[in-house]
Amino acid sequence: MTTNAHQGRPSRTELGRVLMSGGALSSDWAPSYAAVPRASFLPDLIWPWDMEAGSSVAVSREDDPEAWFGYADADVPIVTQWDDGRHTGTEPGTVSTSSASMPSVVFRMLNDLGVKPGNRILEIGTGTGWNAALLAHRLRPENVTTVELDPVVAAAARTALNAFGLSVQVINRDGLKGYPEGAPYDRIIVTCGLRSIPFTWVEQCRPGAVIVAPWGTHYGNGDAVARLIVAEDGRSASGHFVGPVEFMKARTQRQPEVRHAEYVPDSVADGDETASTVTEEQFLGGRFSPQDFAVGLCVRDCVQAIGAREDGTRAVWFYGLSDRSWACAQFRDTGTTRVWQSGPRRLWDDVQAAFTWWAEQGRPGFDRFGLTVDTAGEHAWLDEPDNPVPGDAAA
C-alpha cells in the first residue's frame, strides 16, 4: 500500500480527533482513517463547500496547496464534477454530480454497515474511490466491488485506487442493477440519494445481509439513511432510518423538472381559495426537519417549493408529479394562512392532513420511521412494519 507523505498533517490529525469526539469515527474504523487519507483520492481541482461563504469555491492544488489540503482534511463535502461532466472552467457549474462526502457522513454510514471480517461488499456509487478504499483497507480489496455509472469518474477512481495499492474492482455500469456477477453480498452501501431502492439489490444479498442507503421522496431534496436487513427467506429487506443526510441523487432518479407556468399559467387566483390555521413556524422545520420527511412519506409524487419571505409573508408551493395538481399556502405574520389549490389532487389538504398526523404521533424523528422493500415495491412505516404511514403505497 502506498505511504502518503501527507498522512501526518496536523489538520488531518485534528479532523480525526473531531470525528472521534463527535461519535462519527469509531475505534474499529480509526486504523483505516489513519491509513487512507481522503486527499489521495481527490483531483487537483476541487470545489469544497465553504462554510463562511455559504457556497462552493474552486481550489487548485497547484495554485494553493495549503488551502487544497486544508479542505481535504476538513469535515466538508467536496464537489469533484459538475453537470455530468459537461462543465468546463474553474467556476462552479450548475448541478453538482459527483463529490467526496463529508468525512463524518462517510464514517457514520460505514458504522451503520456493521461489517465483519470476510464480508463481501458491494458499493453503489464509486465517486472518488475513497469510500471503497476505506472498505478495502479493512476487509481486503478482493472483498470489495464498487459500481459507478459515469465512465470518467470510474476511470479516475480506478486509477487512484490502484496508485494507492488497493486494487478494488471498479465496474462501470448502472449501479441500480447491482452486480450479479459478484453476488451474493453480505453488505451493500449506497453513496447516492435514492427515490426507489431496486429489489434486485435484495436478490443479490445473502439472508441477513445489511443494505445502507440514503433514501427519500421527491417532496424535498433531503434523504435519510435506511438500514435494511435482508429477511431469511430473501424476499424482502426491512429496517429503520438512522438519520438525515443529503446526497446527490442517482441520475435516473433525480427530481423531474417542475415548470411553474405549466401548472399555474395565469394567476394563483384561478385556484380554489380556502384558509388554514397552520402557521409557518409550525409547518416549516428547516433543513433536515422530520416533519418534511414525514409529509413526503405520506404524500407521494409531490414537490414542495419554498419561496422567499417578503413583507411578512411566505408562499410555499406544492406541485403534483402524477398530474398538474398544485397548491399554494401563503403564510402570514398575522391572520390565517391563505391557501389556493387546483387539480384532481387537493395537495394542500393532503399535506395538511399528513402534517397533522405527524404531530398527533408525537412529532416522531427519523429513527421512528422505517422502510420495507419487497417485490411489490417500497412500504414506509412508523415504529413497526405493520403500521404503515397514511397514504403509503408501494412505489
Protein backbone atom coordinates (compact mmCIF):
# COMPACT_ATOMS: atom_id res chain seq x y z
CA MET A 1 0.00 0.00 0.00
CA THR A 2 1.26 3.48 -0.84
CA THR A 3 2.59 5.50 2.07
CA ASN A 4 1.31 9.03 1.71
CA ALA A 5 3.73 11.78 2.65
CA HIS A 6 0.89 13.95 3.90
CA GLN A 7 -0.68 11.47 6.31
CA GLY A 8 0.82 13.22 9.33
CA ARG A 9 -0.63 16.66 8.61
CA PRO A 10 -1.82 18.43 11.78
CA SER A 11 -5.13 19.29 10.09
CA ARG A 12 -5.74 15.62 9.36
CA THR A 13 -4.90 14.62 12.91
CA GLU A 14 -7.27 17.28 14.21
CA LEU A 15 -10.06 16.08 11.89
CA GLY A 16 -9.60 12.58 13.28
CA ARG A 17 -9.99 13.91 16.83
CA VAL A 18 -13.13 15.82 15.85
CA LEU A 19 -14.64 12.76 14.19
CA MET A 20 -13.82 10.58 17.19
CA SER A 21 -15.16 13.03 19.78
CA GLY A 22 -18.32 13.58 17.75
CA GLY A 23 -19.03 9.87 17.55
CA ALA A 24 -18.68 9.60 13.77
CA LEU A 25 -15.37 7.73 13.75
CA SER A 26 -15.46 4.55 15.83
CA SER A 27 -12.37 2.83 17.17
CA ASP A 28 -12.68 -0.05 14.70
CA TRP A 29 -12.60 2.35 11.73
CA ALA A 30 -9.83 4.56 13.16
CA PRO A 31 -6.96 2.49 11.65
CA SER A 32 -8.49 2.81 8.18
CA TYR A 33 -8.96 6.54 8.65
CA ALA A 34 -5.30 6.84 9.67
CA ALA A 35 -4.05 4.75 6.74
CA VAL A 36 -6.25 6.07 3.93
CA PRO A 37 -6.30 9.88 3.57
CA ARG A 38 -9.09 11.49 1.58
CA ALA A 39 -6.52 13.70 -0.15
CA SER A 40 -5.14 10.70 -2.05
CA PHE A 41 -8.45 10.35 -3.89
CA LEU A 42 -9.19 13.97 -4.79
CA PRO A 43 -8.47 15.61 -8.16
CA ASP A 44 -6.19 18.63 -8.39
CA LEU A 45 -9.15 20.97 -8.91
CA ILE A 46 -11.90 20.68 -6.30
CA TRP A 47 -14.95 22.69 -5.25
CA PRO A 48 -15.33 22.33 -1.48
CA TRP A 49 -18.24 23.85 0.39
CA ASP A 50 -17.00 26.97 2.13
CA MET A 51 -18.95 27.37 5.38
CA GLU A 52 -18.27 31.11 5.66
CA ALA A 53 -19.12 31.91 2.04
CA GLY A 54 -22.09 29.52 2.04
CA SER A 55 -21.18 28.27 -1.42
CA SER A 56 -18.80 26.03 -3.35
CA VAL A 57 -15.42 27.55 -4.13
CA ALA A 58 -12.78 26.45 -6.62
CA VAL A 59 -9.46 25.39 -5.09
CA SER A 60 -6.45 24.24 -7.10
CA ARG A 61 -3.80 22.04 -5.57
CA GLU A 62 -1.20 23.53 -7.89
CA ASP A 63 -2.09 27.16 -7.14
CA ASP A 64 -2.86 26.90 -3.44
CA PRO A 65 -1.73 23.58 -1.94
CA GLU A 66 -2.22 24.78 1.64
CA ALA A 67 -5.89 25.59 1.04
CA TRP A 68 -6.35 22.41 -1.01
CA PHE A 69 -5.05 20.16 1.77
CA GLY A 70 -6.92 22.22 4.35
CA TYR A 71 -10.22 21.41 2.64
CA ALA A 72 -9.20 17.79 2.06
CA ASP A 73 -8.75 17.49 5.82
CA ALA A 74 -11.96 19.32 6.73
CA ASP A 75 -15.38 17.90 7.51
CA VAL A 76 -16.95 19.45 4.42
CA PRO A 77 -18.34 17.97 1.20
CA ILE A 78 -16.20 18.49 -1.90
CA VAL A 79 -17.66 18.60 -5.39
CA THR A 80 -15.45 16.86 -7.95
CA GLN A 81 -17.74 17.02 -11.00
CA TRP A 82 -20.42 19.38 -12.29
CA ASP A 83 -23.20 18.86 -14.82
CA ASP A 84 -22.46 15.19 -15.51
CA GLY A 85 -19.02 16.09 -16.82
CA ARG A 86 -20.11 18.73 -19.34
CA HIS A 87 -18.77 21.55 -17.18
CA THR A 88 -15.51 23.31 -18.03
CA GLY A 89 -13.51 26.02 -16.30
CA THR A 90 -12.92 26.74 -12.65
CA GLU A 91 -16.16 28.43 -11.65
CA PRO A 92 -18.80 26.13 -10.11
CA GLY A 93 -21.21 24.61 -12.58
CA THR A 94 -24.99 24.38 -12.39
CA VAL A 95 -25.59 20.96 -10.82
CA SER A 96 -23.07 19.06 -8.71
CA THR A 97 -22.96 15.47 -9.97
CA SER A 98 -20.06 13.77 -8.17
CA SER A 99 -18.36 14.50 -4.89
CA ALA A 100 -16.40 13.40 -1.85
CA SER A 101 -18.87 13.35 1.03
CA MET A 102 -18.25 14.87 4.45
CA PRO A 103 -15.96 12.51 6.40
CA SER A 104 -18.43 12.49 9.30
CA VAL A 105 -21.17 11.22 6.97
CA VAL A 106 -18.83 8.66 5.42
CA PHE A 107 -17.86 7.11 8.74
CA ARG A 108 -21.34 7.17 10.23
CA MET A 109 -22.60 5.20 7.24
CA LEU A 110 -19.66 2.79 7.48
CA ASN A 111 -20.58 2.29 11.14
CA ASP A 112 -24.18 1.60 10.12
CA LEU A 113 -22.92 -1.08 7.74
CA GLY A 114 -21.66 -3.20 10.66
CA VAL A 115 -19.00 -5.03 8.65
CA LYS A 116 -17.35 -8.24 9.82
CA PRO A 117 -14.11 -9.87 8.66
CA GLY A 118 -14.57 -11.68 5.36
CA ASN A 119 -17.74 -9.78 4.39
CA ARG A 120 -18.26 -9.27 0.67
CA ILE A 121 -19.23 -5.68 -0.05
CA LEU A 122 -21.00 -4.06 -2.99
CA GLU A 123 -20.77 -0.28 -3.17
CA ILE A 124 -23.12 1.67 -5.42
CA GLY A 125 -21.60 4.99 -6.48
CA THR A 126 -17.80 4.90 -6.52
CA GLY A 127 -17.22 8.65 -6.72
CA THR A 128 -13.61 9.44 -5.87
CA GLY A 129 -12.93 5.90 -4.61
CA TRP A 130 -12.16 6.95 -1.04
CA ASN A 131 -15.09 5.07 0.49
CA ALA A 132 -14.15 1.91 -1.41
CA ALA A 133 -10.55 2.34 -0.28
CA LEU A 134 -11.58 2.53 3.38
CA LEU A 135 -13.63 -0.65 2.97
CA ALA A 136 -10.78 -2.38 1.13
CA HIS A 137 -8.26 -1.42 3.79
CA ARG A 138 -10.38 -3.02 6.48
CA LEU A 139 -11.76 -6.01 4.57
CA ARG A 140 -9.15 -6.57 1.81
CA PRO A 141 -9.57 -5.36 -1.78
CA GLU A 142 -10.80 -8.70 -3.14
CA ASN A 143 -13.87 -8.43 -0.90
CA VAL A 144 -15.00 -5.05 -2.28
CA THR A 145 -16.73 -4.33 -5.58
CA THR A 146 -17.77 -0.79 -6.44
CA VAL A 147 -20.03 0.30 -9.30
CA GLU A 148 -20.01 3.72 -10.96
CA LEU A 149 -22.23 4.90 -13.82
CA ASP A 150 -20.01 7.71 -15.12
CA PRO A 151 -17.08 6.30 -17.14
CA VAL A 152 -14.78 9.27 -16.43
CA VAL A 153 -15.46 9.13 -12.69
CA ALA A 154 -14.99 5.35 -12.69
CA ALA A 155 -11.66 5.60 -14.51
CA ALA A 156 -10.33 8.27 -12.15
CA ALA A 157 -11.33 6.24 -9.09
CA ARG A 158 -9.76 3.09 -10.52
CA THR A 159 -6.51 4.97 -11.15
CA ALA A 160 -6.47 6.41 -7.63
CA LEU A 161 -7.21 3.05 -6.02
CA ASN A 162 -4.51 1.29 -8.00
CA ALA A 163 -1.98 4.04 -7.26
CA PHE A 164 -2.73 3.72 -3.55
CA GLY A 165 -2.23 -0.03 -3.66
CA LEU A 166 -5.86 -1.03 -3.08
CA SER A 167 -6.89 -2.56 -6.38
CA VAL A 168 -10.62 -2.74 -5.81
CA GLN A 169 -12.76 -4.00 -8.68
CA VAL A 170 -14.36 -0.88 -10.21
CA ILE A 171 -17.27 -1.63 -12.52
CA ASN A 172 -18.54 1.00 -14.97
CA ARG A 173 -22.28 0.34 -15.29
CA ASP A 174 -25.65 1.31 -13.86
CA GLY A 175 -25.43 0.56 -10.16
CA LEU A 176 -29.21 0.33 -9.83
CA LYS A 177 -28.84 -3.09 -11.46
CA GLY A 178 -26.26 -4.13 -8.91
CA TYR A 179 -23.50 -6.52 -9.93
CA PRO A 180 -24.88 -10.07 -10.01
CA GLU A 181 -21.55 -11.49 -11.19
CA GLY A 182 -20.12 -10.93 -7.70
CA ALA A 183 -23.18 -11.97 -5.69
CA PRO A 184 -24.12 -12.92 -3.07
CA TYR A 185 -23.11 -9.96 -0.91
CA ASP A 186 -23.04 -9.56 2.86
CA ARG A 187 -23.31 -5.77 2.73
CA ILE A 188 -24.42 -3.14 0.21
CA ILE A 189 -23.63 0.53 0.76
CA VAL A 190 -25.00 3.28 -1.46
CA THR A 191 -23.42 6.71 -1.84
CA CYS A 192 -26.08 8.44 -3.93
CA GLY A 193 -29.55 9.59 -2.95
CA LEU A 194 -32.41 7.31 -3.97
CA ARG A 195 -36.10 7.71 -4.56
CA SER A 196 -36.58 3.98 -5.10
CA ILE A 197 -34.50 1.02 -3.87
CA PRO A 198 -34.26 -1.71 -6.52
CA PHE A 199 -35.37 -5.14 -5.33
CA THR A 200 -32.54 -6.58 -7.42
CA TRP A 201 -30.15 -5.49 -4.66
CA VAL A 202 -32.08 -7.62 -2.18
CA GLU A 203 -31.90 -10.55 -4.58
CA GLN A 204 -28.11 -10.19 -4.75
CA CYS A 205 -27.71 -10.39 -0.96
CA ARG A 206 -27.36 -13.27 1.46
CA PRO A 207 -30.08 -13.69 4.10
CA GLY A 208 -29.27 -11.37 6.99
CA ALA A 209 -27.25 -9.00 4.79
CA VAL A 210 -27.31 -5.27 5.51
CA ILE A 211 -28.18 -2.56 2.97
CA VAL A 212 -27.31 1.03 3.91
CA ALA A 213 -28.73 3.61 1.53
CA PRO A 214 -29.80 7.29 1.53
CA TRP A 215 -33.49 7.37 0.58
CA GLY A 216 -36.19 9.99 0.39
CA THR A 217 -39.12 11.30 -1.63
CA HIS A 218 -39.49 13.99 -4.26
CA TYR A 219 -41.15 16.22 -1.67
CA GLY A 220 -37.70 17.64 -0.92
CA ASN A 221 -34.03 17.16 -1.68
CA GLY A 222 -33.17 15.68 1.70
CA ASP A 223 -32.62 11.98 2.34
CA ALA A 224 -32.48 9.71 5.36
CA VAL A 225 -30.15 6.75 5.74
CA ALA A 226 -32.11 3.50 5.69
CA ARG A 227 -30.51 0.47 7.34
CA LEU A 228 -32.28 -2.58 5.94
CA ILE A 229 -31.82 -6.22 6.93
CA VAL A 230 -32.49 -8.87 4.29
CA ALA A 231 -35.03 -11.43 5.50
CA GLU A 232 -34.04 -15.07 5.96
CA ASP A 233 -36.22 -16.07 3.02
CA GLY A 234 -34.61 -13.38 0.84
CA ARG A 235 -37.99 -12.00 -0.22
CA SER A 236 -37.72 -8.61 1.49
CA ALA A 237 -35.44 -6.21 3.32
CA SER A 238 -36.66 -4.02 6.15
CA GLY A 239 -35.36 -1.65 8.79
CA HIS A 240 -35.43 1.79 10.39
CA PHE A 241 -33.93 5.04 9.20
CA VAL A 242 -30.95 6.14 11.25
CA GLY A 243 -30.73 9.86 10.49
CA PRO A 244 -30.93 12.63 7.90
CA VAL A 245 -28.41 13.25 5.12
CA GLU A 246 -28.41 14.89 1.71
CA PHE A 247 -26.77 13.16 -1.25
CA MET A 248 -26.57 13.81 -4.97
CA LYS A 249 -29.34 11.78 -6.50
CA ALA A 250 -28.90 8.74 -8.71
CA ARG A 251 -29.06 10.12 -12.24
CA THR A 252 -32.16 8.22 -13.27
CA GLN A 253 -33.95 9.11 -10.03
CA ARG A 254 -33.46 12.85 -9.96
CA GLN A 255 -36.49 15.01 -9.33
CA PRO A 256 -38.38 15.63 -12.55
CA GLU A 257 -38.22 19.24 -13.70
CA VAL A 258 -41.18 21.28 -12.49
CA ARG A 259 -42.13 24.31 -14.61
CA HIS A 260 -44.41 26.60 -12.64
CA ALA A 261 -46.12 28.02 -15.74
CA GLU A 262 -47.25 24.56 -16.80
CA TYR A 263 -49.16 24.27 -13.52
CA VAL A 264 -50.27 27.86 -13.00
CA PRO A 265 -50.39 29.53 -16.42
CA ASP A 266 -52.10 32.70 -15.23
CA SER A 267 -52.81 33.57 -11.61
CA VAL A 268 -52.95 31.81 -8.27
CA ALA A 269 -56.47 33.22 -8.04
CA ASP A 270 -57.52 30.61 -10.61
CA GLY A 271 -57.36 28.05 -7.83
CA ASP A 272 -59.98 27.40 -5.16
CA GLU A 273 -59.26 29.57 -2.12
CA THR A 274 -59.51 28.35 1.45
CA ALA A 275 -57.74 29.11 4.73
CA SER A 276 -55.68 27.21 7.28
CA THR A 277 -54.70 27.76 10.90
CA VAL A 278 -51.32 26.04 10.38
CA THR A 279 -48.58 28.65 10.78
CA GLU A 280 -45.24 28.96 9.04
CA GLU A 281 -43.40 28.40 12.32
CA GLN A 282 -45.25 25.12 12.85
CA PHE A 283 -45.06 23.88 9.29
CA LEU A 284 -41.55 24.74 8.12
CA GLY A 285 -38.99 22.89 10.16
CA GLY A 286 -35.87 23.84 8.22
CA ARG A 287 -33.26 21.64 6.62
CA PHE A 288 -33.37 18.01 7.77
CA SER A 289 -36.70 18.53 9.51
CA PRO A 290 -38.54 15.32 10.41
CA GLN A 291 -41.90 16.87 9.53
CA ASP A 292 -40.85 17.40 5.91
CA PHE A 293 -39.68 13.79 5.77
CA ALA A 294 -42.95 12.56 7.29
CA VAL A 295 -45.12 14.61 4.94
CA GLY A 296 -43.13 13.35 1.97
CA LEU A 297 -43.72 9.75 3.08
CA CYS A 298 -47.47 10.32 3.26
CA VAL A 299 -47.91 12.48 0.15
CA ARG A 300 -46.01 10.81 -2.65
CA ASP A 301 -45.33 12.32 -6.08
CA CYS A 302 -45.44 15.85 -4.71
CA VAL A 303 -42.75 18.53 -4.78
CA GLN A 304 -42.55 21.32 -2.21
CA ALA A 305 -41.00 24.65 -3.20
CA ILE A 306 -40.43 27.29 -0.51
CA GLY A 307 -40.48 30.92 -1.60
CA ALA A 308 -38.57 33.80 -0.07
CA ARG A 309 -40.08 35.77 2.80
CA GLU A 310 -41.38 39.15 1.58
CA ASP A 311 -43.28 41.82 3.52
CA GLY A 312 -44.29 39.46 6.30
CA THR A 313 -45.48 36.67 4.02
CA ARG A 314 -44.03 33.50 2.54
CA ALA A 315 -45.50 31.41 -0.27
CA VAL A 316 -44.96 27.64 -0.20
CA TRP A 317 -45.91 25.80 -3.38
CA PHE A 318 -46.81 22.17 -3.95
CA TYR A 319 -46.74 20.52 -7.37
CA GLY A 320 -48.10 17.09 -8.25
CA LEU A 321 -45.85 14.87 -10.35
CA SER A 322 -48.59 12.46 -11.45
CA ASP A 323 -50.79 15.25 -12.86
CA ARG A 324 -50.94 19.06 -12.93
CA SER A 325 -52.42 19.48 -9.48
CA TRP A 326 -50.96 22.35 -7.48
CA ALA A 327 -51.43 24.24 -4.24
CA CYS A 328 -50.05 27.39 -2.68
CA ALA A 329 -50.06 28.23 1.02
CA GLN A 330 -49.37 31.88 1.81
CA PHE A 331 -48.14 32.09 5.37
CA ARG A 332 -48.51 35.48 7.05
CA ASP A 333 -47.18 37.02 10.23
CA THR A 334 -50.72 37.81 11.32
CA GLY A 335 -54.03 36.22 10.47
CA THR A 336 -54.78 32.84 8.98
CA THR A 337 -52.83 31.19 6.18
CA ARG A 338 -54.40 31.72 2.77
CA VAL A 339 -54.48 28.65 0.55
CA TRP A 340 -55.18 28.13 -3.15
CA GLN A 341 -55.30 24.74 -4.83
CA SER A 342 -56.33 23.29 -8.15
CA GLY A 343 -56.46 19.95 -9.92
CA PRO A 344 -57.73 16.44 -9.17
CA ARG A 345 -55.46 16.15 -6.11
CA ARG A 346 -56.13 18.59 -3.30
CA LEU A 347 -52.48 18.79 -2.42
CA TRP A 348 -52.72 21.21 0.49
CA ASP A 349 -55.47 19.14 2.06
CA ASP A 350 -53.26 16.06 1.75
CA VAL A 351 -50.16 17.86 3.05
CA GLN A 352 -52.02 19.41 5.99
CA ALA A 353 -53.53 16.02 6.91
CA ALA A 354 -50.06 14.43 6.82
CA PHE A 355 -48.60 17.21 8.97
CA THR A 356 -51.44 16.85 11.48
CA TRP A 357 -50.93 13.07 11.61
CA TRP A 358 -47.21 13.56 12.28
CA ALA A 359 -47.95 15.97 15.14
CA GLU A 360 -50.54 13.59 16.63
CA GLN A 361 -47.97 10.76 16.66
CA GLY A 362 -45.77 12.79 18.98
CA ARG A 363 -43.70 14.51 16.27
CA PRO A 364 -41.55 11.44 15.60
CA GLY A 365 -37.97 11.83 14.43
CA PHE A 366 -36.31 9.95 11.60
CA ASP A 367 -35.43 6.92 13.69
CA ARG A 368 -39.06 6.02 14.35
CA PHE A 369 -39.74 5.63 10.65
CA GLY A 370 -38.76 2.60 8.62
CA LEU A 371 -38.89 1.10 5.16
CA THR A 372 -39.60 -2.33 3.73
CA VAL A 373 -38.53 -3.29 0.20
CA ASP A 374 -40.07 -6.33 -1.46
CA THR A 375 -41.29 -7.49 -4.86
CA ALA A 376 -44.28 -5.14 -4.60
CA GLY A 377 -42.10 -2.06 -4.11
CA GLU A 378 -41.44 0.04 -1.02
CA HIS A 379 -43.57 0.50 2.09
CA ALA A 380 -42.92 3.21 4.66
CA TRP A 381 -43.98 2.69 8.26
CA LEU A 382 -43.87 4.17 11.74
CA ASP A 383 -42.30 2.17 14.59
CA GLU A 384 -43.18 -1.26 13.17
CA PRO A 385 -43.61 -2.67 9.63
CA ASP A 386 -47.27 -3.47 10.33
CA ASN A 387 -48.01 0.23 11.00
CA PRO A 388 -47.87 1.88 7.54
CA VAL A 389 -47.83 5.66 7.25
CA PRO A 390 -51.11 7.15 5.96
CA GLY A 391 -51.39 7.21 2.21
CA ASP A 392 -48.38 4.94 1.71
CA ALA A 393 -48.37 2.74 -1.36
CA ALA A 394 -45.71 0.63 -2.98
CA ALA A 395 -43.58 2.97 -5.08
